[in-house]
């Protein structure tokens, strides 16, 4: 991203140069496993640690297009649903399987799928708090509340102690 990549060599400066490392790593993975077994996770809205980009749409559409030319299995974009979402644009530029992720609910995920905005929707935090998430979604059962203060910690608290549905 333009705010953090301040390099002046072949990996910095222009959009093409800033994307070079990701594309070279992708090409190396394709050589080992084949394009059909490689996927890339993109995070257009990641802004931690001063990350950011002057033109998210241009940067990530370019990257999605280049990944599409390589015929990889999928791209997954961590970006919440919203009027300014790049998801549909990334899906079109990529031309292959697009997985949306970030703050989707059952209803919003189904709406995106029905509208063709994504080929699949992934759930992260809801899965941490609901080890039986598919069963809960199918049954329209309430979801457990996540406890973010336990994420990324040592030990089982917050990972294996959420209750499951009594079937």
N, C-alpha and C. Protein backbone atom coordinates (compact mmCIF):
# COMPACT_ATOMS: atom_id res chain seq x y z
N UNK A 1 0.84 -1.17 0.00
CA UNK A 1 0.00 0.00 0.00
C UNK A 1 0.89 1.24 0.00
N UNK A 2 0.40 2.30 -0.59
CA UNK A 2 1.23 3.48 -0.82
C UNK A 2 1.71 4.16 0.46
N UNK A 3 0.95 4.06 1.56
CA UNK A 3 1.38 4.76 2.78
C UNK A 3 2.52 4.06 3.49
N UNK A 4 2.63 2.75 3.34
CA UNK A 4 3.67 2.01 4.05
C UNK A 4 4.83 1.59 3.16
N UNK A 5 4.59 1.42 1.90
CA UNK A 5 5.66 1.01 0.99
C UNK A 5 6.38 2.26 0.52
N UNK A 6 7.49 2.56 1.15
CA UNK A 6 8.28 3.73 0.80
C UNK A 6 9.59 3.34 0.10
N UNK A 7 9.62 2.14 -0.43
CA UNK A 7 10.83 1.65 -1.08
C UNK A 7 11.11 2.43 -2.35
N UNK A 8 12.37 2.44 -2.75
CA UNK A 8 12.77 3.13 -3.98
C UNK A 8 13.38 2.17 -4.99
N UNK A 9 13.30 0.87 -4.71
CA UNK A 9 13.84 -0.12 -5.64
C UNK A 9 12.71 -0.69 -6.50
N UNK A 10 12.91 -1.87 -7.06
CA UNK A 10 11.91 -2.45 -7.97
C UNK A 10 10.64 -2.89 -7.25
N UNK A 11 10.60 -2.79 -5.92
CA UNK A 11 9.41 -3.15 -5.15
C UNK A 11 8.69 -1.93 -4.57
N UNK A 12 9.04 -0.75 -5.00
CA UNK A 12 8.40 0.45 -4.49
C UNK A 12 8.12 1.44 -5.60
N UNK A 13 7.40 2.49 -5.24
CA UNK A 13 7.11 3.53 -6.22
C UNK A 13 5.80 3.28 -6.94
N UNK A 14 5.88 2.81 -8.17
CA UNK A 14 4.69 2.63 -9.00
C UNK A 14 3.79 1.52 -8.45
N UNK A 15 2.56 1.56 -8.87
CA UNK A 15 1.60 0.52 -8.49
C UNK A 15 2.12 -0.87 -8.88
N UNK A 16 2.64 -0.98 -10.08
CA UNK A 16 3.15 -2.27 -10.55
C UNK A 16 4.30 -2.76 -9.66
N UNK A 17 5.16 -1.85 -9.26
CA UNK A 17 6.28 -2.24 -8.40
C UNK A 17 5.80 -2.61 -7.00
N UNK A 18 4.83 -1.88 -6.47
CA UNK A 18 4.32 -2.19 -5.12
C UNK A 18 3.62 -3.55 -5.10
N UNK A 19 3.06 -3.96 -6.22
CA UNK A 19 2.38 -5.26 -6.31
C UNK A 19 3.34 -6.40 -6.64
N UNK A 20 4.54 -6.07 -7.03
CA UNK A 20 5.51 -7.06 -7.53
C UNK A 20 5.77 -8.21 -6.55
N UNK A 21 6.01 -7.92 -5.28
CA UNK A 21 6.34 -8.97 -4.32
C UNK A 21 5.20 -9.98 -4.21
N UNK A 22 3.97 -9.49 -4.04
CA UNK A 22 2.82 -10.39 -3.95
C UNK A 22 2.73 -11.26 -5.20
N UNK A 23 2.90 -10.67 -6.36
CA UNK A 23 2.77 -11.42 -7.60
C UNK A 23 3.91 -12.42 -7.79
N UNK A 24 5.11 -12.06 -7.36
CA UNK A 24 6.23 -13.00 -7.44
C UNK A 24 6.04 -14.18 -6.49
N UNK A 25 5.56 -13.90 -5.29
CA UNK A 25 5.28 -14.98 -4.34
C UNK A 25 4.17 -15.88 -4.88
N UNK A 26 3.14 -15.27 -5.47
CA UNK A 26 2.05 -16.04 -6.06
C UNK A 26 2.57 -16.93 -7.18
N UNK A 27 3.42 -16.38 -8.04
CA UNK A 27 4.00 -17.17 -9.13
C UNK A 27 4.82 -18.34 -8.59
N UNK A 28 5.56 -18.10 -7.51
CA UNK A 28 6.36 -19.18 -6.91
C UNK A 28 5.46 -20.27 -6.35
N UNK A 29 4.37 -19.88 -5.71
CA UNK A 29 3.42 -20.86 -5.17
C UNK A 29 2.78 -21.66 -6.30
N UNK A 30 2.47 -21.00 -7.40
CA UNK A 30 1.88 -21.68 -8.56
C UNK A 30 2.86 -22.72 -9.12
N UNK A 31 4.14 -22.39 -9.15
CA UNK A 31 5.15 -23.33 -9.64
C UNK A 31 5.17 -24.60 -8.80
N UNK A 32 4.96 -24.46 -7.51
CA UNK A 32 5.01 -25.62 -6.61
C UNK A 32 3.70 -26.39 -6.61
N UNK A 33 2.59 -25.70 -6.46
CA UNK A 33 1.30 -26.38 -6.24
C UNK A 33 0.33 -26.32 -7.42
N UNK A 34 0.59 -25.49 -8.40
CA UNK A 34 -0.34 -25.31 -9.50
C UNK A 34 -1.35 -24.23 -9.16
N UNK A 35 -1.78 -23.50 -10.18
CA UNK A 35 -2.68 -22.36 -9.97
C UNK A 35 -3.98 -22.75 -9.28
N UNK A 36 -4.50 -23.92 -9.58
CA UNK A 36 -5.77 -24.35 -9.02
C UNK A 36 -5.74 -24.64 -7.53
N UNK A 37 -4.55 -24.63 -6.94
CA UNK A 37 -4.42 -24.89 -5.51
C UNK A 37 -3.86 -23.68 -4.77
N UNK A 38 -3.90 -22.52 -5.41
CA UNK A 38 -3.39 -21.30 -4.79
C UNK A 38 -4.52 -20.29 -4.68
N UNK A 39 -4.64 -19.68 -3.52
CA UNK A 39 -5.58 -18.59 -3.30
C UNK A 39 -4.86 -17.46 -2.60
N UNK A 40 -5.37 -16.26 -2.75
CA UNK A 40 -4.75 -15.09 -2.13
C UNK A 40 -5.78 -14.32 -1.32
N UNK A 41 -5.38 -13.95 -0.13
CA UNK A 41 -6.22 -13.17 0.79
C UNK A 41 -5.80 -11.70 0.66
N UNK A 42 -6.75 -10.85 0.31
CA UNK A 42 -6.50 -9.41 0.20
C UNK A 42 -7.22 -8.69 1.33
N UNK A 43 -6.68 -7.56 1.76
CA UNK A 43 -7.30 -6.78 2.83
C UNK A 43 -7.27 -5.30 2.46
N UNK A 44 -8.16 -4.88 1.55
CA UNK A 44 -8.14 -3.49 1.11
C UNK A 44 -8.33 -2.46 2.22
N UNK A 45 -9.07 -2.80 3.23
CA UNK A 45 -9.37 -1.82 4.28
C UNK A 45 -8.43 -1.94 5.48
N UNK A 46 -7.41 -2.76 5.38
CA UNK A 46 -6.48 -2.90 6.50
C UNK A 46 -5.75 -1.58 6.71
N UNK A 47 -5.91 -1.02 7.88
CA UNK A 47 -5.27 0.27 8.15
C UNK A 47 -4.49 0.27 9.46
N UNK A 48 -4.21 -0.90 9.99
CA UNK A 48 -3.41 -0.99 11.21
C UNK A 48 -1.96 -0.61 10.90
N UNK A 49 -1.28 -0.14 11.89
CA UNK A 49 0.16 0.17 11.77
C UNK A 49 0.41 1.16 10.63
N UNK A 50 -0.45 2.14 10.50
CA UNK A 50 -0.31 3.20 9.50
C UNK A 50 -0.44 2.72 8.06
N UNK A 51 -1.02 1.53 7.86
CA UNK A 51 -1.23 1.06 6.50
C UNK A 51 -2.34 1.87 5.85
N UNK A 52 -2.32 1.94 4.57
CA UNK A 52 -3.34 2.65 3.82
C UNK A 52 -2.88 2.87 2.40
N UNK A 53 -3.78 3.32 1.58
CA UNK A 53 -3.45 3.54 0.18
C UNK A 53 -4.18 4.78 -0.31
N UNK A 54 -3.51 5.54 -1.15
CA UNK A 54 -4.12 6.75 -1.70
C UNK A 54 -5.27 6.42 -2.64
N UNK A 55 -5.24 5.26 -3.26
CA UNK A 55 -6.29 4.87 -4.19
C UNK A 55 -6.54 3.37 -4.08
N UNK A 56 -7.34 3.00 -3.08
CA UNK A 56 -7.63 1.58 -2.83
C UNK A 56 -8.19 0.88 -4.05
N UNK A 57 -9.14 1.52 -4.72
CA UNK A 57 -9.78 0.88 -5.87
C UNK A 57 -8.76 0.56 -6.96
N UNK A 58 -7.92 1.52 -7.29
CA UNK A 58 -6.92 1.29 -8.34
C UNK A 58 -5.94 0.19 -7.93
N UNK A 59 -5.43 0.27 -6.72
CA UNK A 59 -4.44 -0.70 -6.25
C UNK A 59 -5.00 -2.11 -6.24
N UNK A 60 -6.13 -2.29 -5.58
CA UNK A 60 -6.64 -3.65 -5.40
C UNK A 60 -7.31 -4.20 -6.65
N UNK A 61 -7.85 -3.34 -7.51
CA UNK A 61 -8.39 -3.82 -8.78
C UNK A 61 -7.24 -4.31 -9.67
N UNK A 62 -6.14 -3.58 -9.66
CA UNK A 62 -4.96 -4.01 -10.42
C UNK A 62 -4.47 -5.37 -9.92
N UNK A 63 -4.32 -5.49 -8.61
CA UNK A 63 -3.85 -6.75 -8.03
C UNK A 63 -4.81 -7.89 -8.38
N UNK A 64 -6.11 -7.67 -8.23
CA UNK A 64 -7.10 -8.71 -8.55
C UNK A 64 -7.00 -9.11 -10.01
N UNK A 65 -6.84 -8.15 -10.89
CA UNK A 65 -6.72 -8.44 -12.32
C UNK A 65 -5.48 -9.27 -12.61
N UNK A 66 -4.36 -8.90 -12.02
CA UNK A 66 -3.11 -9.64 -12.22
C UNK A 66 -3.22 -11.07 -11.67
N UNK A 67 -3.86 -11.21 -10.53
CA UNK A 67 -4.06 -12.55 -9.97
C UNK A 67 -4.98 -13.38 -10.87
N UNK A 68 -5.99 -12.73 -11.45
CA UNK A 68 -6.89 -13.41 -12.37
C UNK A 68 -6.16 -13.93 -13.60
N UNK A 69 -5.20 -13.17 -14.11
CA UNK A 69 -4.42 -13.61 -15.27
C UNK A 69 -3.64 -14.88 -14.97
N UNK A 70 -3.36 -15.12 -13.70
CA UNK A 70 -2.59 -16.29 -13.30
C UNK A 70 -3.49 -17.52 -13.09
N UNK A 71 -4.80 -17.31 -13.11
CA UNK A 71 -5.74 -18.42 -13.00
C UNK A 71 -5.75 -19.12 -11.65
N UNK A 72 -5.46 -18.37 -10.59
CA UNK A 72 -5.46 -19.00 -9.27
C UNK A 72 -6.88 -19.38 -8.86
N UNK A 73 -6.98 -20.22 -7.84
CA UNK A 73 -8.26 -20.79 -7.44
C UNK A 73 -9.26 -19.76 -6.94
N UNK A 74 -8.80 -18.80 -6.15
CA UNK A 74 -9.72 -17.81 -5.58
C UNK A 74 -8.95 -16.63 -5.00
N UNK A 75 -9.69 -15.55 -4.78
CA UNK A 75 -9.22 -14.48 -3.91
C UNK A 75 -10.26 -14.32 -2.81
N UNK A 76 -9.79 -14.02 -1.64
CA UNK A 76 -10.65 -13.75 -0.49
C UNK A 76 -10.33 -12.34 -0.05
N UNK A 77 -11.33 -11.52 0.07
CA UNK A 77 -11.12 -10.12 0.44
C UNK A 77 -11.74 -9.83 1.79
N UNK A 78 -10.92 -9.37 2.71
CA UNK A 78 -11.40 -8.99 4.03
C UNK A 78 -11.83 -7.53 3.95
N UNK A 79 -13.11 -7.35 3.71
CA UNK A 79 -13.64 -6.01 3.55
C UNK A 79 -15.13 -6.06 3.83
N UNK A 80 -15.58 -5.22 4.73
CA UNK A 80 -16.99 -5.28 5.11
C UNK A 80 -17.90 -4.80 3.99
N UNK A 81 -19.13 -5.26 4.08
CA UNK A 81 -20.18 -4.86 3.16
C UNK A 81 -20.46 -3.37 3.36
N UNK A 82 -20.70 -2.66 2.29
CA UNK A 82 -21.04 -1.25 2.39
C UNK A 82 -21.12 -0.62 1.02
N UNK A 83 -21.61 0.60 0.98
CA UNK A 83 -21.78 1.29 -0.29
C UNK A 83 -20.44 1.47 -1.01
N UNK A 84 -19.36 1.61 -0.24
CA UNK A 84 -18.05 1.83 -0.84
C UNK A 84 -17.23 0.55 -0.96
N UNK A 85 -17.88 -0.58 -0.81
CA UNK A 85 -17.17 -1.86 -0.87
C UNK A 85 -16.55 -2.08 -2.24
N UNK A 86 -15.35 -2.57 -2.23
CA UNK A 86 -14.67 -2.90 -3.48
C UNK A 86 -14.94 -4.32 -3.94
N UNK A 87 -15.62 -5.10 -3.11
CA UNK A 87 -15.84 -6.51 -3.41
C UNK A 87 -16.33 -6.81 -4.82
N UNK A 88 -17.45 -6.23 -5.24
CA UNK A 88 -17.93 -6.53 -6.59
C UNK A 88 -16.94 -6.13 -7.69
N UNK A 89 -16.22 -5.04 -7.46
CA UNK A 89 -15.21 -4.58 -8.42
C UNK A 89 -14.04 -5.57 -8.47
N UNK A 90 -13.63 -6.07 -7.31
CA UNK A 90 -12.54 -7.05 -7.26
C UNK A 90 -12.96 -8.36 -7.92
N UNK A 91 -14.20 -8.77 -7.67
CA UNK A 91 -14.72 -10.01 -8.28
C UNK A 91 -14.67 -9.90 -9.80
N UNK A 92 -15.12 -8.77 -10.32
CA UNK A 92 -15.14 -8.57 -11.77
C UNK A 92 -13.72 -8.55 -12.34
N UNK A 93 -12.82 -7.82 -11.68
CA UNK A 93 -11.44 -7.71 -12.17
C UNK A 93 -10.73 -9.06 -12.11
N UNK A 94 -11.00 -9.84 -11.09
CA UNK A 94 -10.35 -11.14 -10.92
C UNK A 94 -10.88 -12.15 -11.93
N UNK A 95 -12.19 -12.21 -12.08
CA UNK A 95 -12.79 -13.12 -13.05
C UNK A 95 -12.92 -14.56 -12.61
N UNK A 96 -12.56 -14.85 -11.38
CA UNK A 96 -12.67 -16.21 -10.85
C UNK A 96 -13.45 -16.19 -9.55
N UNK A 97 -13.26 -17.22 -8.75
CA UNK A 97 -14.00 -17.34 -7.49
C UNK A 97 -13.57 -16.26 -6.50
N UNK A 98 -14.57 -15.51 -6.05
CA UNK A 98 -14.33 -14.42 -5.11
C UNK A 98 -15.04 -14.74 -3.79
N UNK A 99 -14.28 -14.74 -2.70
CA UNK A 99 -14.82 -15.01 -1.36
C UNK A 99 -14.79 -13.71 -0.57
N UNK A 100 -15.96 -13.27 -0.13
CA UNK A 100 -16.07 -12.06 0.68
C UNK A 100 -15.96 -12.43 2.15
N UNK A 101 -15.43 -11.53 2.95
CA UNK A 101 -15.28 -11.77 4.38
C UNK A 101 -15.21 -10.45 5.11
N UNK A 102 -15.79 -10.38 6.28
CA UNK A 102 -15.69 -9.26 7.22
C UNK A 102 -17.08 -8.77 7.61
N UNK A 103 -17.48 -9.12 8.79
CA UNK A 103 -18.70 -8.61 9.43
C UNK A 103 -19.99 -8.96 8.69
N UNK A 104 -20.01 -10.03 7.96
CA UNK A 104 -21.25 -10.44 7.32
C UNK A 104 -22.13 -11.18 8.31
N UNK A 105 -23.42 -11.01 8.14
CA UNK A 105 -24.41 -11.79 8.88
C UNK A 105 -24.96 -12.84 7.92
N UNK A 106 -25.78 -13.72 8.42
CA UNK A 106 -26.40 -14.70 7.54
C UNK A 106 -27.17 -13.99 6.43
N UNK A 107 -27.96 -12.99 6.80
CA UNK A 107 -28.79 -12.29 5.81
C UNK A 107 -27.95 -11.51 4.81
N UNK A 108 -26.94 -10.78 5.28
CA UNK A 108 -26.14 -9.99 4.34
C UNK A 108 -25.30 -10.92 3.45
N UNK A 109 -24.83 -12.03 3.99
CA UNK A 109 -24.09 -12.99 3.17
C UNK A 109 -24.99 -13.55 2.07
N UNK A 110 -26.19 -13.95 2.44
CA UNK A 110 -27.13 -14.49 1.44
C UNK A 110 -27.49 -13.44 0.40
N UNK A 111 -27.61 -12.18 0.81
CA UNK A 111 -27.93 -11.11 -0.14
C UNK A 111 -26.79 -10.93 -1.14
N UNK A 112 -25.55 -10.95 -0.66
CA UNK A 112 -24.41 -10.81 -1.57
C UNK A 112 -24.34 -11.98 -2.53
N UNK A 113 -24.58 -13.17 -2.04
CA UNK A 113 -24.55 -14.34 -2.91
C UNK A 113 -25.65 -14.28 -3.95
N UNK A 114 -26.85 -13.90 -3.53
CA UNK A 114 -27.99 -13.82 -4.45
C UNK A 114 -27.77 -12.75 -5.52
N UNK A 115 -27.10 -11.66 -5.15
CA UNK A 115 -26.84 -10.57 -6.09
C UNK A 115 -25.62 -10.83 -6.96
N UNK A 116 -24.92 -11.93 -6.72
CA UNK A 116 -23.73 -12.24 -7.51
C UNK A 116 -22.52 -11.41 -7.15
N UNK A 117 -22.55 -10.76 -5.99
CA UNK A 117 -21.41 -9.94 -5.56
C UNK A 117 -20.25 -10.79 -5.06
N UNK A 118 -20.52 -12.02 -4.68
CA UNK A 118 -19.50 -12.95 -4.20
C UNK A 118 -19.91 -14.36 -4.58
N UNK A 119 -18.92 -15.23 -4.67
CA UNK A 119 -19.18 -16.64 -4.94
C UNK A 119 -19.32 -17.43 -3.65
N UNK A 120 -18.76 -16.89 -2.58
CA UNK A 120 -18.85 -17.49 -1.25
C UNK A 120 -18.61 -16.38 -0.24
N UNK A 121 -19.04 -16.62 0.98
CA UNK A 121 -18.78 -15.68 2.07
C UNK A 121 -18.16 -16.47 3.21
N UNK A 122 -17.04 -15.97 3.71
CA UNK A 122 -16.35 -16.62 4.83
C UNK A 122 -16.66 -15.86 6.11
N UNK A 123 -16.72 -16.61 7.19
CA UNK A 123 -16.97 -16.03 8.51
C UNK A 123 -15.77 -16.31 9.40
N UNK A 124 -15.20 -15.29 10.01
CA UNK A 124 -14.06 -15.47 10.90
C UNK A 124 -14.46 -15.45 12.35
N UNK A 125 -14.70 -14.27 12.88
CA UNK A 125 -15.05 -14.13 14.30
C UNK A 125 -16.30 -14.94 14.66
N UNK A 126 -17.35 -14.94 13.84
CA UNK A 126 -18.50 -15.78 14.21
C UNK A 126 -18.13 -17.25 14.39
N UNK A 127 -17.15 -17.75 13.63
CA UNK A 127 -16.73 -19.14 13.79
C UNK A 127 -15.96 -19.35 15.09
N UNK A 128 -15.18 -18.36 15.50
CA UNK A 128 -14.46 -18.49 16.76
C UNK A 128 -15.46 -18.66 17.90
N UNK A 129 -16.49 -17.83 17.91
CA UNK A 129 -17.47 -17.84 19.00
C UNK A 129 -18.54 -18.92 18.85
N UNK A 130 -18.64 -19.50 17.67
CA UNK A 130 -19.69 -20.49 17.39
C UNK A 130 -19.08 -21.66 16.64
N UNK A 131 -18.51 -22.62 17.34
CA UNK A 131 -17.88 -23.74 16.66
C UNK A 131 -18.85 -24.55 15.80
N UNK A 132 -20.13 -24.35 16.05
CA UNK A 132 -21.18 -25.03 15.28
C UNK A 132 -21.92 -24.02 14.39
N UNK A 133 -21.19 -23.05 13.87
CA UNK A 133 -21.82 -21.97 13.10
C UNK A 133 -22.72 -22.47 11.97
N UNK A 134 -22.33 -23.42 11.13
CA UNK A 134 -23.25 -23.86 10.08
C UNK A 134 -24.59 -24.35 10.63
N UNK A 135 -24.56 -25.11 11.71
CA UNK A 135 -25.82 -25.60 12.30
C UNK A 135 -26.64 -24.45 12.84
N UNK A 136 -26.01 -23.47 13.46
CA UNK A 136 -26.73 -22.31 13.99
C UNK A 136 -27.37 -21.50 12.86
N UNK A 137 -26.63 -21.29 11.79
CA UNK A 137 -27.19 -20.53 10.67
C UNK A 137 -28.36 -21.28 10.04
N UNK A 138 -28.21 -22.57 9.87
CA UNK A 138 -29.28 -23.38 9.28
C UNK A 138 -30.53 -23.35 10.14
N UNK A 139 -30.36 -23.38 11.46
CA UNK A 139 -31.50 -23.42 12.39
C UNK A 139 -31.98 -22.03 12.79
N UNK A 140 -31.38 -20.99 12.23
CA UNK A 140 -31.69 -19.61 12.65
C UNK A 140 -31.58 -19.46 14.17
N UNK A 141 -30.61 -20.13 14.75
CA UNK A 141 -30.38 -20.08 16.20
C UNK A 141 -29.55 -18.85 16.55
N UNK A 142 -29.70 -18.35 17.76
CA UNK A 142 -28.88 -17.20 18.17
C UNK A 142 -27.40 -17.57 18.20
N UNK A 143 -26.56 -16.57 17.97
CA UNK A 143 -25.12 -16.78 17.98
C UNK A 143 -24.53 -16.39 19.33
N UNK A 144 -23.49 -17.09 19.73
CA UNK A 144 -22.73 -16.69 20.92
C UNK A 144 -22.05 -15.35 20.66
N UNK A 145 -21.93 -14.55 21.68
CA UNK A 145 -21.18 -13.30 21.57
C UNK A 145 -19.68 -13.61 21.66
N UNK A 146 -18.89 -13.07 20.76
CA UNK A 146 -17.45 -13.30 20.84
C UNK A 146 -16.83 -12.48 21.98
N UNK A 147 -15.70 -12.93 22.45
CA UNK A 147 -14.95 -12.23 23.50
C UNK A 147 -13.57 -11.88 22.94
N UNK A 148 -13.47 -10.74 22.21
CA UNK A 148 -12.22 -10.39 21.54
C UNK A 148 -11.01 -10.30 22.46
N UNK A 149 -11.24 -10.02 23.72
CA UNK A 149 -10.10 -9.92 24.64
C UNK A 149 -9.38 -11.26 24.80
N UNK A 150 -10.02 -12.35 24.39
CA UNK A 150 -9.39 -13.67 24.49
C UNK A 150 -8.76 -14.12 23.17
N UNK A 151 -8.95 -13.35 22.11
CA UNK A 151 -8.39 -13.73 20.81
C UNK A 151 -6.86 -13.66 20.87
N UNK A 152 -6.23 -14.54 20.17
CA UNK A 152 -4.77 -14.56 20.00
C UNK A 152 -4.02 -14.75 21.32
N UNK A 153 -4.70 -15.27 22.31
CA UNK A 153 -4.05 -15.53 23.59
C UNK A 153 -3.57 -16.95 23.69
N UNK A 154 -2.86 -17.21 24.76
CA UNK A 154 -2.40 -18.58 25.00
C UNK A 154 -3.48 -19.33 25.76
N UNK A 155 -3.55 -20.60 25.52
CA UNK A 155 -4.48 -21.44 26.25
C UNK A 155 -5.82 -21.58 25.57
N UNK A 156 -6.71 -22.35 26.18
CA UNK A 156 -7.99 -22.70 25.56
C UNK A 156 -9.08 -21.63 25.70
N UNK A 157 -8.94 -20.68 26.63
CA UNK A 157 -10.00 -19.70 26.86
C UNK A 157 -10.20 -18.86 25.60
N UNK A 158 -11.43 -18.85 25.13
CA UNK A 158 -11.76 -18.10 23.94
C UNK A 158 -11.62 -18.88 22.65
N UNK A 159 -11.10 -20.08 22.71
CA UNK A 159 -10.95 -20.90 21.51
C UNK A 159 -11.80 -22.16 21.56
N UNK A 160 -11.80 -22.84 22.68
CA UNK A 160 -12.53 -24.11 22.73
C UNK A 160 -13.59 -24.14 23.82
N UNK A 161 -13.91 -23.00 24.39
CA UNK A 161 -14.86 -23.01 25.50
C UNK A 161 -16.20 -22.37 25.19
N UNK A 162 -16.45 -22.01 23.93
CA UNK A 162 -17.76 -21.48 23.57
C UNK A 162 -18.77 -22.63 23.51
N UNK A 163 -19.98 -22.41 24.02
CA UNK A 163 -20.97 -23.49 24.01
C UNK A 163 -21.51 -23.77 22.61
N UNK A 164 -21.86 -25.02 22.38
CA UNK A 164 -22.50 -25.42 21.13
C UNK A 164 -23.99 -25.61 21.39
N UNK A 165 -24.74 -25.70 20.31
CA UNK A 165 -26.18 -25.93 20.43
C UNK A 165 -26.45 -27.30 21.03
N UNK A 166 -27.47 -27.36 21.83
CA UNK A 166 -27.92 -28.67 22.32
C UNK A 166 -28.89 -29.21 21.29
N UNK A 167 -28.49 -30.24 20.60
CA UNK A 167 -29.34 -30.78 19.52
C UNK A 167 -30.23 -31.89 20.00
